[in-house]
Amino acid sequence: MTGQRALVTGGSRGVGAAVSARLAADGAAVAVHCRADTATAEAVVAGLPGDGHIVVSGDIADPGQAAVHAMAQSLAVSLAPYDIAVSAVAPGFVRTDMTEAMLSGPAGDGIRAQSPYDRVAEPEDVASAVAWLALADARWASGAVIDLNGASYLR
């Protein structure tokens, strides 16, 4: 990914921080987005390998998952003539600071049992899928919304 650039929305914590770290480790210059907590985003950037990483702050309205997917698909069509691929991921349950209390509580076993792997995703699981989507070899996945749920609900 050397020479590539990536914008990671929500890149200052949880899944976004893991995606930022993975893309930077693969050689991309990463723009780590945060809504307001620039100190946390700066800490993520400081820990990324390589250089050229920046913090981008701003409030991205919470448009809902369907709107994000539609935006990614629209951008995929618009940017294809420039040889830019755009896709989205739709993770299921991921262990983060925001889900830890739920996963540690009474509902945790049931949530983990939804997947035949008997676990929820780790942020690095999502980051690995995003890293694949960022490869030139994955260009034909442009416009796709990849469901990352560990085969949940397929039993």
C-alpha atoms as a PDB file:
ATOM      1  CA  MET A   1       0.000   0.000   0.000  1.00  0.00           C
ATOM      2  CA  THR A   2       3.023   2.247  -0.163  1.00  0.00           C
ATOM      3  CA  GLY A   3       1.989   5.548  -1.681  1.00  0.00           C
ATOM      4  CA  GLN A   4      -1.702   5.033  -0.995  1.00  0.00           C
ATOM      5  CA  ARG A   5      -3.744   7.298   1.233  1.00  0.00           C
ATOM      6  CA  ALA A   6      -6.653   6.304   3.429  1.00  0.00           C
ATOM      7  CA  LEU A   7      -9.260   8.241   5.367  1.00  0.00           C
ATOM      8  CA  VAL A   8     -10.505   6.248   8.359  1.00  0.00           C
ATOM      9  CA  THR A   9     -13.672   7.714   9.800  1.00  0.00           C
ATOM     10  CA  GLY A  10     -13.910   7.106  13.512  1.00  0.00           C
ATOM     11  CA  GLY A  11     -10.213   6.285  13.378  1.00  0.00           C
ATOM     12  CA  SER A  12      -9.395   7.458  16.881  1.00  0.00           C
ATOM     13  CA  ARG A  13     -10.802   4.478  18.789  1.00  0.00           C
ATOM     14  CA  GLY A  14     -11.993   0.880  18.598  1.00  0.00           C
ATOM     15  CA  VAL A  15     -12.358  -0.565  15.130  1.00  0.00           C
ATOM     16  CA  GLY A  16     -11.230   2.659  13.452  1.00  0.00           C
ATOM     17  CA  ALA A  17      -7.989   2.763  15.437  1.00  0.00           C
ATOM     18  CA  ALA A  18      -7.289  -0.875  14.493  1.00  0.00           C
ATOM     19  CA  VAL A  19      -7.984  -0.110  10.820  1.00  0.00           C
ATOM     20  CA  SER A  20      -5.696   2.946  10.988  1.00  0.00           C
ATOM     21  CA  ALA A  21      -2.909   0.848  12.520  1.00  0.00           C
ATOM     22  CA  ARG A  22      -3.266  -1.940   9.962  1.00  0.00           C
ATOM     23  CA  LEU A  23      -3.311   0.370   6.934  1.00  0.00           C
ATOM     24  CA  ALA A  24      -0.317   2.326   8.250  1.00  0.00           C
ATOM     25  CA  ALA A  25       1.565  -0.935   8.898  1.00  0.00           C
ATOM     26  CA  ASP A  26       0.834  -1.889   5.291  1.00  0.00           C
ATOM     27  CA  GLY A  27       2.405   1.387   4.109  1.00  0.00           C
ATOM     28  CA  ALA A  28      -0.519   3.777   3.661  1.00  0.00           C
ATOM     29  CA  ALA A  29      -0.553   7.373   4.837  1.00  0.00           C
ATOM     30  CA  VAL A  30      -3.606   7.539   7.081  1.00  0.00           C
ATOM     31  CA  ALA A  31      -5.908  10.444   7.877  1.00  0.00           C
ATOM     32  CA  VAL A  32      -7.400   9.557  11.259  1.00  0.00           C
ATOM     33  CA  HIS A  33     -10.842  11.107  11.614  1.00  0.00           C
ATOM     34  CA  CYS A  34     -12.408  12.046  14.930  1.00  0.00           C
ATOM     35  CA  ARG A  35     -15.454  14.089  15.810  1.00  0.00           C
ATOM     36  CA  ALA A  36     -13.938  16.224  18.568  1.00  0.00           C
ATOM     37  CA  ASP A  37     -11.422  14.293  20.679  1.00  0.00           C
ATOM     38  CA  THR A  38      -8.324  15.351  18.787  1.00  0.00           C
ATOM     39  CA  ALA A  39      -6.035  14.386  21.673  1.00  0.00           C
ATOM     40  CA  THR A  40      -7.055  10.731  21.322  1.00  0.00           C
ATOM     41  CA  ALA A  41      -6.712  10.910  17.540  1.00  0.00           C
ATOM     42  CA  GLU A  42      -3.270  12.511  17.887  1.00  0.00           C
ATOM     43  CA  ALA A  43      -2.245   9.630  20.169  1.00  0.00           C
ATOM     44  CA  VAL A  44      -3.337   7.128  17.503  1.00  0.00           C
ATOM     45  CA  VAL A  45      -1.376   9.011  14.839  1.00  0.00           C
ATOM     46  CA  ALA A  46       1.696   9.153  17.096  1.00  0.00           C
ATOM     47  CA  GLY A  47       1.597   5.366  17.411  1.00  0.00           C
ATOM     48  CA  LEU A  48       1.291   4.633  13.700  1.00  0.00           C
ATOM     49  CA  PRO A  49       4.325   3.316  11.832  1.00  0.00           C
ATOM     50  CA  GLY A  50       5.606   5.370   8.927  1.00  0.00           C
ATOM     51  CA  ASP A  51       4.925   9.007   8.295  1.00  0.00           C
ATOM     52  CA  GLY A  52       2.507  11.317   6.545  1.00  0.00           C
ATOM     53  CA  HIS A  53      -0.366  10.531   8.930  1.00  0.00           C
ATOM     54  CA  ILE A  54      -2.704  13.332   9.992  1.00  0.00           C
ATOM     55  CA  VAL A  55      -5.731  13.988  12.166  1.00  0.00           C
ATOM     56  CA  VAL A  56      -8.944  15.204  10.551  1.00  0.00           C
ATOM     57  CA  SER A  57     -11.713  16.383  12.846  1.00  0.00           C
ATOM     58  CA  GLY A  58     -15.291  17.205  12.104  1.00  0.00           C
ATOM     59  CA  ASP A  59     -18.797  16.146  12.911  1.00  0.00           C
ATOM     60  CA  ILE A  60     -20.092  13.641  10.425  1.00  0.00           C
ATOM     61  CA  ALA A  61     -23.810  13.541  11.085  1.00  0.00           C
ATOM     62  CA  ASP A  62     -25.067  10.117  12.109  1.00  0.00           C
ATOM     63  CA  PRO A  63     -26.782   9.268   8.830  1.00  0.00           C
ATOM     64  CA  GLY A  64     -27.470   5.649   9.658  1.00  0.00           C
ATOM     65  CA  GLN A  65     -25.951   2.522   8.204  1.00  0.00           C
ATOM     66  CA  ALA A  66     -28.045   2.460   5.024  1.00  0.00           C
ATOM     67  CA  ALA A  67     -26.998   6.012   4.156  1.00  0.00           C
ATOM     68  CA  VAL A  68     -23.311   5.194   4.664  1.00  0.00           C
ATOM     69  CA  HIS A  69     -23.646   2.174   2.389  1.00  0.00           C
ATOM     70  CA  ALA A  70     -25.463   4.227  -0.251  1.00  0.00           C
ATOM     71  CA  MET A  71     -22.783   6.924  -0.046  1.00  0.00           C
ATOM     72  CA  ALA A  72     -20.008   4.345  -0.511  1.00  0.00           C
ATOM     73  CA  GLN A  73     -21.764   2.868  -3.521  1.00  0.00           C
ATOM     74  CA  SER A  74     -22.353   6.301  -5.049  1.00  0.00           C
ATOM     75  CA  LEU A  75     -18.704   7.246  -4.504  1.00  0.00           C
ATOM     76  CA  ALA A  76     -17.626   3.944  -6.064  1.00  0.00           C
ATOM     77  CA  VAL A  77     -19.438   4.863  -9.275  1.00  0.00           C
ATOM     78  CA  SER A  78     -18.259   8.485  -9.257  1.00  0.00           C
ATOM     79  CA  LEU A  79     -14.603   7.747  -8.503  1.00  0.00           C
ATOM     80  CA  ALA A  80     -14.115   4.674 -10.701  1.00  0.00           C
ATOM     81  CA  PRO A  81     -13.018   6.819 -13.697  1.00  0.00           C
ATOM     82  CA  TYR A  82     -10.140   8.028 -11.498  1.00  0.00           C
ATOM     83  CA  ASP A  83      -9.181   4.440 -10.639  1.00  0.00           C
ATOM     84  CA  ILE A  84     -10.323   4.897  -7.048  1.00  0.00           C
ATOM     85  CA  ALA A  85     -12.219   2.025  -5.449  1.00  0.00           C
ATOM     86  CA  VAL A  86     -14.677   2.597  -2.625  1.00  0.00           C
ATOM     87  CA  SER A  87     -16.357  -0.073  -0.547  1.00  0.00           C
ATOM     88  CA  ALA A  88     -17.846  -0.377   2.905  1.00  0.00           C
ATOM     89  CA  VAL A  89     -17.848  -2.914   5.692  1.00  0.00           C
ATOM     90  CA  ALA A  90     -20.777  -3.829   7.901  1.00  0.00           C
ATOM     91  CA  PRO A  91     -19.359  -5.444  11.025  1.00  0.00           C
ATOM     92  CA  GLY A  92     -21.488  -7.412  13.422  1.00  0.00           C
ATOM     93  CA  PHE A  93     -20.612  -7.363  17.114  1.00  0.00           C
ATOM     94  CA  VAL A  94     -17.025  -6.227  17.713  1.00  0.00           C
ATOM     95  CA  ARG A  95     -15.284  -6.197  21.091  1.00  0.00           C
ATOM     96  CA  THR A  96     -14.520  -2.548  21.834  1.00  0.00           C
ATOM     97  CA  ASP A  97     -14.730  -0.263  24.838  1.00  0.00           C
ATOM     98  CA  MET A  98     -18.288   0.531  23.739  1.00  0.00           C
ATOM     99  CA  THR A  99     -19.440  -3.127  23.761  1.00  0.00           C
ATOM    100  CA  GLU A 100     -17.353  -4.542  26.598  1.00  0.00           C
ATOM    101  CA  ALA A 101     -19.977  -4.041  29.307  1.00  0.00           C
ATOM    102  CA  MET A 102     -22.633  -5.817  27.243  1.00  0.00           C
ATOM    103  CA  LEU A 103     -20.309  -8.671  26.310  1.00  0.00           C
ATOM    104  CA  SER A 104     -19.222  -9.101  29.938  1.00  0.00           C
ATOM    105  CA  GLY A 105     -22.810  -9.119  31.179  1.00  0.00           C
ATOM    106  CA  PRO A 106     -25.598 -11.694  31.046  1.00  0.00           C
ATOM    107  CA  ALA A 107     -26.201 -11.159  27.304  1.00  0.00           C
ATOM    108  CA  GLY A 108     -22.575 -11.880  26.374  1.00  0.00           C
ATOM    109  CA  ASP A 109     -22.868 -15.649  25.980  1.00  0.00           C
ATOM    110  CA  GLY A 110     -25.903 -15.294  23.733  1.00  0.00           C
ATOM    111  CA  ILE A 111     -24.197 -12.701  21.567  1.00  0.00           C
ATOM    112  CA  ARG A 112     -21.107 -14.894  21.161  1.00  0.00           C
ATOM    113  CA  ALA A 113     -23.292 -17.930  20.379  1.00  0.00           C
ATOM    114  CA  GLN A 114     -24.746 -16.142  17.339  1.00  0.00           C
ATOM    115  CA  SER A 115     -21.537 -17.054  15.494  1.00  0.00           C
ATOM    116  CA  PRO A 116     -20.397 -20.651  14.974  1.00  0.00           C
ATOM    117  CA  TYR A 117     -16.975 -19.376  16.047  1.00  0.00           C
ATOM    118  CA  ASP A 118     -18.552 -18.740  19.463  1.00  0.00           C
ATOM    119  CA  ARG A 119     -17.007 -15.317  19.732  1.00  0.00           C
ATOM    120  CA  VAL A 120     -17.432 -11.760  18.505  1.00  0.00           C
ATOM    121  CA  ALA A 121     -15.011  -9.985  16.235  1.00  0.00           C
ATOM    122  CA  GLU A 122     -11.929  -8.260  17.497  1.00  0.00           C
ATOM    123  CA  PRO A 123     -11.137  -4.865  15.929  1.00  0.00           C
ATOM    124  CA  GLU A 124      -8.210  -6.506  14.110  1.00  0.00           C
ATOM    125  CA  ASP A 125     -10.620  -8.907  12.361  1.00  0.00           C
ATOM    126  CA  VAL A 126     -12.364  -5.946  10.754  1.00  0.00           C
ATOM    127  CA  ALA A 127      -9.035  -4.239  10.041  1.00  0.00           C
ATOM    128  CA  SER A 128      -7.841  -7.306   8.106  1.00  0.00           C
ATOM    129  CA  ALA A 129     -10.896  -7.187   5.848  1.00  0.00           C
ATOM    130  CA  VAL A 130     -10.463  -3.453   5.264  1.00  0.00           C
ATOM    131  CA  ALA A 131      -6.776  -3.980   4.453  1.00  0.00           C
ATOM    132  CA  TRP A 132      -7.784  -6.514   1.797  1.00  0.00           C
ATOM    133  CA  LEU A 133     -10.336  -4.094   0.331  1.00  0.00           C
ATOM    134  CA  ALA A 134      -7.603  -1.450   0.111  1.00  0.00           C
ATOM    135  CA  LEU A 135      -5.434  -3.652  -2.112  1.00  0.00           C
ATOM    136  CA  ALA A 136      -5.355  -2.997  -5.844  1.00  0.00           C
ATOM    137  CA  ASP A 137      -6.241  -6.673  -6.338  1.00  0.00           C
ATOM    138  CA  ALA A 138      -9.563  -6.038  -4.564  1.00  0.00           C
ATOM    139  CA  ARG A 139     -10.576  -3.215  -6.908  1.00  0.00           C
ATOM    140  CA  TRP A 140     -13.410  -5.290  -8.378  1.00  0.00           C
ATOM    141  CA  ALA A 141     -15.066  -5.253  -4.940  1.00  0.00           C
ATOM    142  CA  SER A 142     -15.635  -1.523  -5.393  1.00  0.00           C
ATOM    143  CA  GLY A 143     -19.200  -0.680  -4.495  1.00  0.00           C
ATOM    144  CA  ALA A 144     -19.593  -3.743  -2.297  1.00  0.00           C
ATOM    145  CA  VAL A 145     -20.775  -3.687   1.281  1.00  0.00           C
ATOM    146  CA  ILE A 146     -18.958  -6.550   2.990  1.00  0.00           C
ATOM    147  CA  ASP A 147     -20.893  -8.158   5.844  1.00  0.00           C
ATOM    148  CA  LEU A 148     -18.365  -9.081   8.555  1.00  0.00           C
ATOM    149  CA  ASN A 149     -20.295 -11.156  11.021  1.00  0.00           C
ATOM    150  CA  GLY A 150     -18.350 -14.390  11.564  1.00  0.00           C
ATOM    151  CA  ALA A 151     -21.104 -16.455   9.890  1.00  0.00           C
ATOM    152  CA  SER A 152     -23.642 -15.259  12.459  1.00  0.00           C
ATOM    153  CA  TYR A 153     -27.213 -16.316  11.755  1.00  0.00           C
ATOM    154  CA  LEU A 154     -26.109 -18.904   9.176  1.00  0.00           C
ATOM    155  CA  ARG A 155     -26.589 -21.991  11.321  1.00  0.00           C
END
